[in-house]
Amino acid sequence: MLWSAFDDLSLMGEVGRGVIAAFSVLVERHTPALYRVAMRMLGDGHEAEDVVQECFTRLWQQAPRWQSSGAGLVGWLHRVAMNLCFDRKRRFRVVITPDLPERADPMPLADATIEADQARAAVAGALADLPERYRAALVLCYYEGFTNALAAEVLELNIKAMESLLFRARRHLRELLEARDVGVADLRAREPTVAYGMELRA
């Protein structure tokens, strides 16, 4: 049977009956996005991997009782991942330390590459300095492309509270980037996803 052709809801029904092949498809399907989110929240590859593993452990354990909601499996998994990230930040005080590239090659092409890397590192550093709820909102909406409604479900907020959170997160991120001498124009070329978010209602 070609399990990869099944949608999440159908696969969850099979996982609830203990079908490992269906579970494996869900792991393969959702691991990349969950890892990206955990990595941006925690800044540590090993911690991010642990979060992803724990997400799927909980999925397997809860599959027989799992019921779909408006957010679907994607929303459920990301809610679990976010809560695990919040817990780890509080428990282990994970410190995100983005590395700035060393300046070694004076050639123009190398300079352009270094500038791009520095802009990305500045964004990563600013993102790391945000309060965790602000960071979560920006990661979900601007990096992962979630709608405000889906992000609200993940963060267990109503839509108005989600919009307010995004507004405050954008404003705070802008302030942090300006302190690092990174403007929206720089972001347009280096981090277009973030620049797009910054240009929405400042």
N, C-alpha and C. Protein backbone atom coordinates (compact mmCIF):
# COMPACT_ATOMS: atom_id res chain seq x y z
N MET A 1 0.84 -1.20 0.00
CA MET A 1 0.00 0.00 0.00
C MET A 1 0.88 1.25 0.00
N LEU A 2 0.52 2.25 -0.82
CA LEU A 2 1.29 3.48 -0.93
C LEU A 2 0.80 4.47 0.12
N TRP A 3 1.36 4.39 1.32
CA TRP A 3 0.89 5.23 2.41
C TRP A 3 1.13 6.71 2.16
N SER A 4 2.15 7.03 1.39
CA SER A 4 2.47 8.45 1.15
C SER A 4 1.36 9.18 0.40
N ALA A 5 0.46 8.44 -0.25
CA ALA A 5 -0.64 9.06 -0.98
C ALA A 5 -1.80 9.44 -0.05
N PHE A 6 -1.76 8.98 1.19
CA PHE A 6 -2.84 9.25 2.13
C PHE A 6 -2.66 10.62 2.78
N ASP A 7 -3.78 11.28 3.12
CA ASP A 7 -3.67 12.55 3.83
C ASP A 7 -3.43 12.30 5.31
N ASP A 8 -3.15 13.37 6.04
CA ASP A 8 -2.81 13.24 7.45
C ASP A 8 -3.90 12.57 8.27
N LEU A 9 -5.13 12.95 8.01
CA LEU A 9 -6.24 12.42 8.80
C LEU A 9 -6.37 10.91 8.63
N SER A 10 -6.25 10.46 7.38
CA SER A 10 -6.33 9.02 7.11
C SER A 10 -5.17 8.28 7.76
N LEU A 11 -3.99 8.87 7.65
CA LEU A 11 -2.81 8.24 8.25
C LEU A 11 -2.94 8.14 9.77
N MET A 12 -3.50 9.19 10.38
CA MET A 12 -3.67 9.16 11.83
C MET A 12 -4.61 8.05 12.27
N GLY A 13 -5.60 7.78 11.46
CA GLY A 13 -6.49 6.66 11.76
C GLY A 13 -5.74 5.35 11.79
N GLU A 14 -4.81 5.19 10.84
CA GLU A 14 -4.01 3.96 10.79
C GLU A 14 -2.99 3.92 11.92
N VAL A 15 -2.40 5.07 12.22
CA VAL A 15 -1.43 5.11 13.34
C VAL A 15 -2.13 4.74 14.64
N GLY A 16 -3.36 5.19 14.80
CA GLY A 16 -4.13 4.84 15.99
C GLY A 16 -4.36 3.35 16.13
N ARG A 17 -4.27 2.64 15.00
CA ARG A 17 -4.41 1.18 15.02
C ARG A 17 -3.05 0.49 15.08
N GLY A 18 -1.99 1.30 15.22
CA GLY A 18 -0.65 0.72 15.39
C GLY A 18 0.09 0.42 14.11
N VAL A 19 -0.31 1.03 13.00
CA VAL A 19 0.36 0.78 11.72
C VAL A 19 1.63 1.63 11.63
N ILE A 20 2.77 0.98 11.75
CA ILE A 20 4.05 1.70 11.80
C ILE A 20 4.36 2.37 10.47
N ALA A 21 3.98 1.74 9.36
CA ALA A 21 4.27 2.33 8.04
C ALA A 21 3.58 3.68 7.89
N ALA A 22 2.37 3.80 8.38
CA ALA A 22 1.65 5.08 8.32
C ALA A 22 2.33 6.12 9.20
N PHE A 23 2.78 5.69 10.37
CA PHE A 23 3.50 6.59 11.28
C PHE A 23 4.78 7.09 10.63
N SER A 24 5.50 6.21 9.95
CA SER A 24 6.76 6.59 9.30
C SER A 24 6.54 7.66 8.24
N VAL A 25 5.42 7.58 7.52
CA VAL A 25 5.11 8.60 6.52
C VAL A 25 4.89 9.95 7.18
N LEU A 26 4.17 9.96 8.28
CA LEU A 26 3.93 11.23 8.99
C LEU A 26 5.24 11.82 9.52
N VAL A 27 6.11 10.97 10.02
CA VAL A 27 7.41 11.44 10.51
C VAL A 27 8.19 12.08 9.37
N GLU A 28 8.25 11.40 8.24
CA GLU A 28 8.99 11.93 7.09
C GLU A 28 8.35 13.21 6.56
N ARG A 29 7.05 13.27 6.57
CA ARG A 29 6.32 14.41 6.02
C ARG A 29 6.48 15.67 6.87
N HIS A 30 6.48 15.52 8.17
CA HIS A 30 6.41 16.71 9.04
C HIS A 30 7.72 17.05 9.77
N THR A 31 8.70 16.17 9.71
CA THR A 31 9.96 16.45 10.40
C THR A 31 10.64 17.73 9.93
N PRO A 32 10.77 17.99 8.61
CA PRO A 32 11.50 19.20 8.19
C PRO A 32 10.94 20.49 8.78
N ALA A 33 9.62 20.66 8.73
CA ALA A 33 9.02 21.90 9.25
C ALA A 33 9.18 22.00 10.76
N LEU A 34 8.97 20.90 11.47
CA LEU A 34 9.10 20.93 12.92
C LEU A 34 10.54 21.24 13.34
N TYR A 35 11.49 20.68 12.60
CA TYR A 35 12.90 20.95 12.92
C TYR A 35 13.23 22.42 12.67
N ARG A 36 12.74 22.98 11.57
CA ARG A 36 13.00 24.40 11.29
C ARG A 36 12.48 25.28 12.41
N VAL A 37 11.26 25.01 12.83
CA VAL A 37 10.65 25.81 13.89
C VAL A 37 11.44 25.68 15.20
N ALA A 38 11.76 24.45 15.58
CA ALA A 38 12.49 24.23 16.83
C ALA A 38 13.87 24.86 16.76
N MET A 39 14.51 24.79 15.60
CA MET A 39 15.84 25.36 15.45
C MET A 39 15.79 26.88 15.60
N ARG A 40 14.77 27.51 15.01
CA ARG A 40 14.65 28.97 15.12
C ARG A 40 14.26 29.40 16.53
N MET A 41 13.55 28.54 17.22
CA MET A 41 13.16 28.88 18.58
C MET A 41 14.30 28.66 19.58
N LEU A 42 15.11 27.62 19.35
CA LEU A 42 16.12 27.23 20.33
C LEU A 42 17.55 27.54 19.90
N GLY A 43 17.80 27.58 18.59
CA GLY A 43 19.15 27.87 18.11
C GLY A 43 20.16 26.78 18.37
N ASP A 44 19.71 25.57 18.61
CA ASP A 44 20.60 24.45 18.91
C ASP A 44 20.09 23.21 18.19
N GLY A 45 20.93 22.64 17.32
CA GLY A 45 20.50 21.52 16.51
C GLY A 45 20.12 20.29 17.32
N HIS A 46 20.91 19.99 18.35
CA HIS A 46 20.61 18.81 19.18
C HIS A 46 19.30 18.99 19.94
N GLU A 47 19.09 20.19 20.47
CA GLU A 47 17.84 20.47 21.18
C GLU A 47 16.66 20.38 20.22
N ALA A 48 16.84 20.92 19.01
CA ALA A 48 15.76 20.87 18.01
C ALA A 48 15.41 19.44 17.65
N GLU A 49 16.44 18.60 17.48
CA GLU A 49 16.19 17.18 17.17
C GLU A 49 15.44 16.50 18.31
N ASP A 50 15.81 16.83 19.54
CA ASP A 50 15.11 16.24 20.69
C ASP A 50 13.63 16.65 20.72
N VAL A 51 13.37 17.91 20.38
CA VAL A 51 11.98 18.39 20.34
C VAL A 51 11.19 17.63 19.29
N VAL A 52 11.77 17.46 18.11
CA VAL A 52 11.07 16.74 17.04
C VAL A 52 10.80 15.30 17.46
N GLN A 53 11.79 14.65 18.03
CA GLN A 53 11.61 13.27 18.48
C GLN A 53 10.50 13.16 19.52
N GLU A 54 10.47 14.10 20.45
CA GLU A 54 9.44 14.08 21.49
C GLU A 54 8.06 14.34 20.90
N CYS A 55 7.99 15.20 19.88
CA CYS A 55 6.71 15.44 19.19
C CYS A 55 6.12 14.14 18.66
N PHE A 56 6.96 13.36 18.00
CA PHE A 56 6.46 12.14 17.38
C PHE A 56 6.24 11.03 18.41
N THR A 57 6.98 11.06 19.49
CA THR A 57 6.71 10.12 20.58
C THR A 57 5.31 10.37 21.13
N ARG A 58 4.99 11.63 21.34
CA ARG A 58 3.66 11.98 21.85
C ARG A 58 2.57 11.67 20.83
N LEU A 59 2.90 11.88 19.56
CA LEU A 59 1.93 11.57 18.51
C LEU A 59 1.58 10.08 18.54
N TRP A 60 2.58 9.24 18.62
CA TRP A 60 2.36 7.79 18.65
C TRP A 60 1.55 7.40 19.88
N GLN A 61 1.89 7.98 21.01
CA GLN A 61 1.20 7.64 22.25
C GLN A 61 -0.26 8.08 22.24
N GLN A 62 -0.53 9.22 21.64
CA GLN A 62 -1.87 9.79 21.68
C GLN A 62 -2.72 9.45 20.46
N ALA A 63 -2.12 8.79 19.49
CA ALA A 63 -2.83 8.50 18.24
C ALA A 63 -4.17 7.79 18.43
N PRO A 64 -4.28 6.78 19.32
CA PRO A 64 -5.58 6.11 19.47
C PRO A 64 -6.69 7.04 19.95
N ARG A 65 -6.31 8.13 20.65
CA ARG A 65 -7.31 9.06 21.19
C ARG A 65 -7.35 10.39 20.43
N TRP A 66 -6.49 10.54 19.42
CA TRP A 66 -6.35 11.82 18.74
C TRP A 66 -7.60 12.16 17.94
N GLN A 67 -8.02 13.41 18.03
CA GLN A 67 -9.17 13.88 17.26
C GLN A 67 -8.77 15.15 16.52
N SER A 68 -9.16 15.23 15.27
CA SER A 68 -8.79 16.39 14.46
C SER A 68 -9.54 17.63 14.91
N SER A 69 -8.84 18.77 14.86
CA SER A 69 -9.47 20.06 15.17
C SER A 69 -9.33 20.94 13.94
N GLY A 70 -9.70 22.19 14.07
CA GLY A 70 -9.59 23.10 12.93
C GLY A 70 -8.18 23.26 12.44
N ALA A 71 -7.21 23.11 13.34
CA ALA A 71 -5.80 23.27 12.97
C ALA A 71 -5.23 22.01 12.34
N GLY A 72 -5.94 20.90 12.42
CA GLY A 72 -5.46 19.66 11.84
C GLY A 72 -4.20 19.14 12.52
N LEU A 73 -3.57 18.15 11.90
CA LEU A 73 -2.37 17.56 12.48
C LEU A 73 -1.21 18.54 12.48
N VAL A 74 -1.11 19.37 11.44
CA VAL A 74 -0.03 20.36 11.37
C VAL A 74 -0.09 21.28 12.59
N GLY A 75 -1.27 21.78 12.88
CA GLY A 75 -1.43 22.66 14.03
C GLY A 75 -1.13 21.94 15.34
N TRP A 76 -1.60 20.70 15.45
CA TRP A 76 -1.37 19.94 16.68
C TRP A 76 0.12 19.72 16.91
N LEU A 77 0.82 19.28 15.87
CA LEU A 77 2.25 19.02 16.00
C LEU A 77 3.03 20.29 16.35
N HIS A 78 2.67 21.39 15.71
CA HIS A 78 3.39 22.63 15.98
C HIS A 78 3.06 23.17 17.38
N ARG A 79 1.85 22.93 17.85
CA ARG A 79 1.53 23.34 19.22
C ARG A 79 2.39 22.56 20.21
N VAL A 80 2.50 21.25 19.98
CA VAL A 80 3.35 20.43 20.85
C VAL A 80 4.80 20.91 20.78
N ALA A 81 5.28 21.16 19.55
CA ALA A 81 6.67 21.60 19.38
C ALA A 81 6.92 22.93 20.08
N MET A 82 6.01 23.87 19.92
CA MET A 82 6.18 25.17 20.56
C MET A 82 6.19 25.05 22.08
N ASN A 83 5.29 24.26 22.62
CA ASN A 83 5.25 24.10 24.08
C ASN A 83 6.52 23.43 24.60
N LEU A 84 7.05 22.48 23.83
CA LEU A 84 8.31 21.84 24.21
C LEU A 84 9.46 22.84 24.17
N CYS A 85 9.45 23.70 23.15
CA CYS A 85 10.49 24.73 23.05
C CYS A 85 10.40 25.70 24.22
N PHE A 86 9.18 26.14 24.54
CA PHE A 86 9.00 27.04 25.68
C PHE A 86 9.52 26.38 26.97
N ASP A 87 9.18 25.10 27.16
CA ASP A 87 9.61 24.39 28.36
C ASP A 87 11.13 24.30 28.44
N ARG A 88 11.76 24.00 27.30
CA ARG A 88 13.21 23.86 27.29
C ARG A 88 13.90 25.19 27.56
N LYS A 89 13.35 26.25 27.00
CA LYS A 89 13.94 27.57 27.24
C LYS A 89 13.90 27.91 28.72
N ARG A 90 12.79 27.58 29.36
CA ARG A 90 12.65 27.91 30.78
C ARG A 90 13.50 26.99 31.66
N ARG A 91 13.56 25.72 31.28
CA ARG A 91 14.23 24.74 32.13
C ARG A 91 15.75 24.79 32.00
N PHE A 92 16.20 24.87 30.74
CA PHE A 92 17.64 24.78 30.50
C PHE A 92 18.28 26.10 30.11
N ARG A 93 17.45 27.15 29.97
CA ARG A 93 17.96 28.47 29.60
C ARG A 93 18.85 28.39 28.37
N VAL A 94 18.30 27.82 27.31
CA VAL A 94 19.03 27.72 26.04
C VAL A 94 19.37 29.13 25.57
N VAL A 95 20.61 29.35 25.20
CA VAL A 95 21.05 30.65 24.70
C VAL A 95 21.33 30.54 23.21
N ILE A 96 20.64 31.36 22.42
CA ILE A 96 20.85 31.34 20.97
C ILE A 96 22.01 32.27 20.66
N THR A 97 23.05 31.73 20.03
CA THR A 97 24.23 32.54 19.72
C THR A 97 24.59 32.39 18.25
N PRO A 98 23.94 33.15 17.37
CA PRO A 98 24.26 33.07 15.94
C PRO A 98 25.68 33.52 15.69
N ASP A 99 26.41 32.76 14.86
CA ASP A 99 27.80 33.10 14.57
C ASP A 99 27.88 34.10 13.44
N LEU A 100 28.70 35.11 13.62
CA LEU A 100 28.99 36.05 12.54
C LEU A 100 30.18 35.51 11.75
N PRO A 101 30.12 35.57 10.41
CA PRO A 101 31.23 35.07 9.60
C PRO A 101 32.47 35.93 9.77
N GLU A 102 33.63 35.29 9.72
CA GLU A 102 34.88 36.04 9.79
C GLU A 102 35.17 36.67 8.44
N ARG A 103 35.73 37.85 8.46
CA ARG A 103 36.06 38.55 7.24
C ARG A 103 37.46 38.15 6.81
N ALA A 104 37.56 37.38 5.73
CA ALA A 104 38.86 36.86 5.33
C ALA A 104 39.25 37.25 3.91
N ASP A 105 38.29 37.35 3.00
CA ASP A 105 38.58 37.57 1.58
C ASP A 105 38.13 38.96 1.18
N PRO A 106 39.04 39.80 0.66
CA PRO A 106 38.67 41.17 0.31
C PRO A 106 37.97 41.30 -1.04
N MET A 107 37.81 40.21 -1.78
CA MET A 107 37.20 40.28 -3.10
C MET A 107 35.75 40.73 -2.99
N PRO A 108 35.25 41.48 -3.99
CA PRO A 108 33.86 41.99 -3.95
C PRO A 108 32.83 40.90 -3.75
N LEU A 109 32.99 39.76 -4.46
CA LEU A 109 32.02 38.69 -4.33
C LEU A 109 32.01 38.15 -2.91
N ALA A 110 33.21 38.01 -2.36
CA ALA A 110 33.29 37.53 -0.98
C ALA A 110 32.66 38.55 -0.03
N ASP A 111 32.89 39.84 -0.31
CA ASP A 111 32.29 40.89 0.52
C ASP A 111 30.78 40.81 0.50
N ALA A 112 30.22 40.61 -0.70
CA ALA A 112 28.76 40.53 -0.83
C ALA A 112 28.22 39.33 -0.06
N THR A 113 28.95 38.21 -0.15
CA THR A 113 28.51 37.01 0.57
C THR A 113 28.57 37.23 2.07
N ILE A 114 29.66 37.87 2.52
CA ILE A 114 29.81 38.14 3.95
C ILE A 114 28.71 39.07 4.44
N GLU A 115 28.40 40.10 3.63
CA GLU A 115 27.34 41.03 4.01
C GLU A 115 26.00 40.32 4.13
N ALA A 116 25.75 39.41 3.17
CA ALA A 116 24.49 38.65 3.23
C ALA A 116 24.45 37.79 4.48
N ASP A 117 25.57 37.13 4.78
CA ASP A 117 25.64 36.29 5.97
C ASP A 117 25.47 37.12 7.24
N GLN A 118 26.08 38.30 7.23
CA GLN A 118 25.97 39.17 8.41
C GLN A 118 24.55 39.66 8.62
N ALA A 119 23.86 39.96 7.50
CA ALA A 119 22.47 40.40 7.61
C ALA A 119 21.60 39.28 8.17
N ARG A 120 21.83 38.05 7.67
CA ARG A 120 21.06 36.91 8.18
C ARG A 120 21.37 36.66 9.66
N ALA A 121 22.66 36.81 10.00
CA ALA A 121 23.05 36.61 11.40
C ALA A 121 22.43 37.69 12.29
N ALA A 122 22.35 38.91 11.76
CA ALA A 122 21.73 40.00 12.53
C ALA A 122 20.26 39.71 12.79
N VAL A 123 19.57 39.19 11.76
CA VAL A 123 18.16 38.83 11.93
C VAL A 123 18.04 37.70 12.95
N ALA A 124 18.91 36.68 12.83
CA ALA A 124 18.86 35.57 13.77
C ALA A 124 19.12 36.05 15.20
N GLY A 125 20.08 36.98 15.34
CA GLY A 125 20.38 37.51 16.66
C GLY A 125 19.23 38.31 17.23
N ALA A 126 18.61 39.13 16.38
CA ALA A 126 17.46 39.93 16.83
C ALA A 126 16.29 39.02 17.20
N LEU A 127 16.07 37.99 16.38
CA LEU A 127 15.00 37.04 16.65
C LEU A 127 15.24 36.35 17.99
N ALA A 128 16.51 36.01 18.25
CA ALA A 128 16.85 35.34 19.50
C ALA A 128 16.62 36.22 20.72
N ASP A 129 16.73 37.53 20.53
CA ASP A 129 16.57 38.47 21.64
C ASP A 129 15.11 38.80 21.94
N LEU A 130 14.21 38.39 21.06
CA LEU A 130 12.79 38.66 21.28
C LEU A 130 12.24 37.81 22.42
N PRO A 131 11.22 38.28 23.12
CA PRO A 131 10.49 37.41 24.04
C PRO A 131 9.97 36.20 23.27
N GLU A 132 9.90 35.06 23.93
CA GLU A 132 9.62 33.81 23.22
C GLU A 132 8.29 33.82 22.48
N ARG A 133 7.27 34.48 23.01
CA ARG A 133 5.97 34.51 22.31
C ARG A 133 6.06 35.35 21.04
N TYR A 134 6.82 36.43 21.09
CA TYR A 134 7.03 37.24 19.88
C TYR A 134 7.76 36.41 18.83
N ARG A 135 8.82 35.74 19.27
CA ARG A 135 9.59 34.93 18.33
C ARG A 135 8.73 33.84 17.71
N ALA A 136 7.91 33.20 18.53
CA ALA A 136 7.04 32.14 18.03
C ALA A 136 6.08 32.66 16.97
N ALA A 137 5.50 33.82 17.21
CA ALA A 137 4.55 34.40 16.25
C ALA A 137 5.23 34.69 14.91
N LEU A 138 6.42 35.26 14.95
CA LEU A 138 7.13 35.59 13.71
C LEU A 138 7.60 34.34 12.98
N VAL A 139 8.09 33.37 13.73
CA VAL A 139 8.55 32.12 13.11
C VAL A 139 7.39 31.43 12.39
N LEU A 140 6.25 31.34 13.04
CA LEU A 140 5.11 30.65 12.43
C LEU A 140 4.57 31.40 11.22
N CYS A 141 4.38 32.71 11.35
CA CYS A 141 3.70 33.46 10.30
C CYS A 141 4.61 33.84 9.14
N TYR A 142 5.86 34.21 9.42
CA TYR A 142 6.72 34.73 8.36
C TYR A 142 7.72 33.72 7.84
N TYR A 143 8.16 32.80 8.66
CA TYR A 143 9.09 31.77 8.18
C TYR A 143 8.35 30.54 7.68
N GLU A 144 7.30 30.14 8.39
CA GLU A 144 6.58 28.92 8.02
C GLU A 144 5.33 29.20 7.20
N GLY A 145 4.96 30.46 7.06
CA GLY A 145 3.84 30.81 6.19
C GLY A 145 2.47 30.47 6.75
N PHE A 146 2.35 30.32 8.06
CA PHE A 146 1.05 30.04 8.66
C PHE A 146 0.14 31.26 8.53
N THR A 147 -1.14 31.02 8.36
CA THR A 147 -2.10 32.11 8.45
C THR A 147 -2.18 32.55 9.90
N ASN A 148 -2.69 33.76 10.11
CA ASN A 148 -2.88 34.22 11.49
C ASN A 148 -3.79 33.28 12.27
N ALA A 149 -4.80 32.76 11.58
CA ALA A 149 -5.76 31.87 12.25
C ALA A 149 -5.09 30.58 12.70
N LEU A 150 -4.25 29.99 11.84
CA LEU A 150 -3.58 28.74 12.20
C LEU A 150 -2.55 28.99 13.31
N ALA A 151 -1.80 30.08 13.19
CA ALA A 151 -0.82 30.42 14.24
C ALA A 151 -1.53 30.65 15.57
N ALA A 152 -2.70 31.27 15.52
CA ALA A 152 -3.47 31.50 16.74
C ALA A 152 -3.85 30.18 17.41
N GLU A 153 -4.24 29.20 16.59
CA GLU A 153 -4.58 27.88 17.15
C GLU A 153 -3.35 27.23 17.79
N VAL A 154 -2.22 27.34 17.11
CA VAL A 154 -0.99 26.75 17.64
C VAL A 154 -0.62 27.38 18.99
N LEU A 155 -0.73 28.70 19.06
CA LEU A 155 -0.36 29.41 20.29
C LEU A 155 -1.51 29.55 21.27
N GLU A 156 -2.64 28.95 20.91
CA GLU A 156 -3.83 28.93 21.78
C GLU A 156 -4.29 30.34 22.14
N LEU A 157 -4.44 31.15 21.09
CA LEU A 157 -4.92 32.53 21.22
C LEU A 157 -6.15 32.72 20.35
N ASN A 158 -6.94 33.76 20.63
CA ASN A 158 -7.97 34.12 19.67
C ASN A 158 -7.33 34.99 18.59
N ILE A 159 -8.04 35.20 17.50
CA ILE A 159 -7.44 35.87 16.35
C ILE A 159 -7.03 37.30 16.66
N LYS A 160 -7.81 38.00 17.45
CA LYS A 160 -7.47 39.38 17.81
C LYS A 160 -6.18 39.43 18.63
N ALA A 161 -6.06 38.51 19.57
CA ALA A 161 -4.85 38.45 20.39
C ALA A 161 -3.64 38.10 19.53
N MET A 162 -3.84 37.23 18.52
CA MET A 162 -2.76 36.86 17.62
C MET A 162 -2.29 38.05 16.81
N GLU A 163 -3.24 38.80 16.28
CA GLU A 163 -2.89 39.98 15.48
C GLU A 163 -2.15 41.01 16.33
N SER A 164 -2.58 41.18 17.57
CA SER A 164 -1.91 42.11 18.48
C SER A 164 -0.50 41.63 18.79
N LEU A 165 -0.35 40.32 19.00
CA LEU A 165 0.97 39.76 19.27
C LEU A 165 1.92 39.98 18.09
N LEU A 166 1.42 39.76 16.88
CA LEU A 166 2.23 39.97 15.68
C LEU A 166 2.65 41.43 15.55
N PHE A 167 1.72 42.32 15.81
CA PHE A 167 2.02 43.75 15.72
C PHE A 167 3.16 44.11 16.67
N ARG A 168 3.05 43.67 17.91
CA ARG A 168 4.08 43.99 18.90
C ARG A 168 5.41 43.31 18.56
N ALA A 169 5.33 42.08 18.03
CA ALA A 169 6.55 41.35 17.66
C ALA A 169 7.28 42.05 16.52
N ARG A 170 6.53 42.50 15.51
CA ARG A 170 7.15 43.22 14.38
C ARG A 170 7.82 44.49 14.86
N ARG A 171 7.11 45.22 15.71
CA ARG A 171 7.65 46.50 16.20
C ARG A 171 8.94 46.27 17.00
N HIS A 172 8.93 45.27 17.85
CA HIS A 172 10.11 44.98 18.66
C HIS A 172 11.27 44.51 17.78
N LEU A 173 10.97 43.66 16.79
CA LEU A 173 12.02 43.19 15.89
C LEU A 173 12.63 44.34 15.11
N ARG A 174 11.78 45.25 14.65
CA ARG A 174 12.28 46.41 13.92
C ARG A 174 13.26 47.21 14.80
N GLU A 175 12.89 47.41 16.05
CA GLU A 175 13.76 48.17 16.97
C GLU A 175 15.10 47.46 17.17
N LEU A 176 15.06 46.14 17.32
CA LEU A 176 16.29 45.38 17.52
C LEU A 176 17.17 45.42 16.28
N LEU A 177 16.55 45.36 15.09
CA LEU A 177 17.33 45.41 13.86
C LEU A 177 17.93 46.79 13.64
N GLU A 178 17.17 47.82 13.95
CA GLU A 178 17.70 49.18 13.80
C GLU A 178 18.90 49.39 14.73
N ALA A 179 18.85 48.78 15.90
CA ALA A 179 19.99 48.87 16.83
C ALA A 179 21.21 48.17 16.27
N ARG A 180 20.98 47.22 15.34
CA ARG A 180 22.08 46.51 14.70
C ARG A 180 22.41 47.11 13.33
N ASP A 181 21.86 48.28 13.05
CA ASP A 181 22.08 48.97 11.77
C ASP A 181 21.62 48.15 10.57
N VAL A 182 20.54 47.41 10.74
CA VAL A 182 19.95 46.65 9.64
C VAL A 182 18.57 47.23 9.38
N GLY A 183 18.37 47.75 8.16
CA GLY A 183 17.09 48.32 7.79
C GLY A 183 16.28 47.39 6.92
N VAL A 184 15.05 47.77 6.64
CA VAL A 184 14.17 46.94 5.80
C VAL A 184 14.76 46.78 4.41
N ALA A 185 15.42 47.83 3.89
CA ALA A 185 16.02 47.74 2.56
C ALA A 185 17.07 46.64 2.50
N ASP A 186 17.88 46.52 3.56
CA ASP A 186 18.88 45.45 3.62
C ASP A 186 18.19 44.09 3.65
N LEU A 187 17.11 44.01 4.39
CA LEU A 187 16.41 42.74 4.53
C LEU A 187 15.78 42.29 3.23
N ARG A 188 15.33 43.24 2.43
CA ARG A 188 14.68 42.88 1.17
C ARG A 188 15.58 42.00 0.32
N ALA A 189 16.87 42.31 0.33
CA ALA A 189 17.81 41.55 -0.48
C ALA A 189 18.29 40.28 0.22
N ARG A 190 18.37 40.33 1.56
CA ARG A 190 18.99 39.23 2.30
C ARG A 190 17.98 38.28 2.95
N GLU A 191 16.91 38.85 3.49
CA GLU A 191 15.90 38.07 4.19
C GLU A 191 14.51 38.54 3.76
N PRO A 192 14.11 38.25 2.52
CA PRO A 192 12.85 38.79 2.00
C PRO A 192 11.62 38.40 2.81
N THR A 193 11.64 37.21 3.40
CA THR A 193 10.49 36.78 4.21
C THR A 193 10.29 37.70 5.40
N VAL A 194 11.38 38.01 6.09
CA VAL A 194 11.30 38.90 7.24
C VAL A 194 10.97 40.32 6.80
N ALA A 195 11.58 40.75 5.69
CA ALA A 195 11.33 42.11 5.19
C ALA A 195 9.85 42.30 4.88
N TYR A 196 9.24 41.28 4.27
CA TYR A 196 7.81 41.36 3.96
C TYR A 196 7.00 41.58 5.23
N GLY A 197 7.33 40.83 6.27
CA GLY A 197 6.63 41.00 7.53
C GLY A 197 6.85 42.36 8.14
N MET A 198 8.07 42.87 8.03
CA MET A 198 8.40 44.17 8.60
C MET A 198 7.66 45.29 7.89
N GLU A 199 7.37 45.09 6.61
CA GLU A 199 6.70 46.14 5.84
C GLU A 199 5.20 46.14 6.05
N LEU A 200 4.68 45.12 6.71
CA LEU A 200 3.26 45.10 7.07
C LEU A 200 3.07 45.95 8.31
N ARG A 201 2.12 46.82 8.32
CA ARG A 201 1.77 47.65 9.47
C ARG A 201 2.86 47.70 10.52
N ALA A 202 3.78 48.63 10.39
CA ALA A 202 4.91 48.74 11.32
C ALA A 202 4.42 48.97 12.74
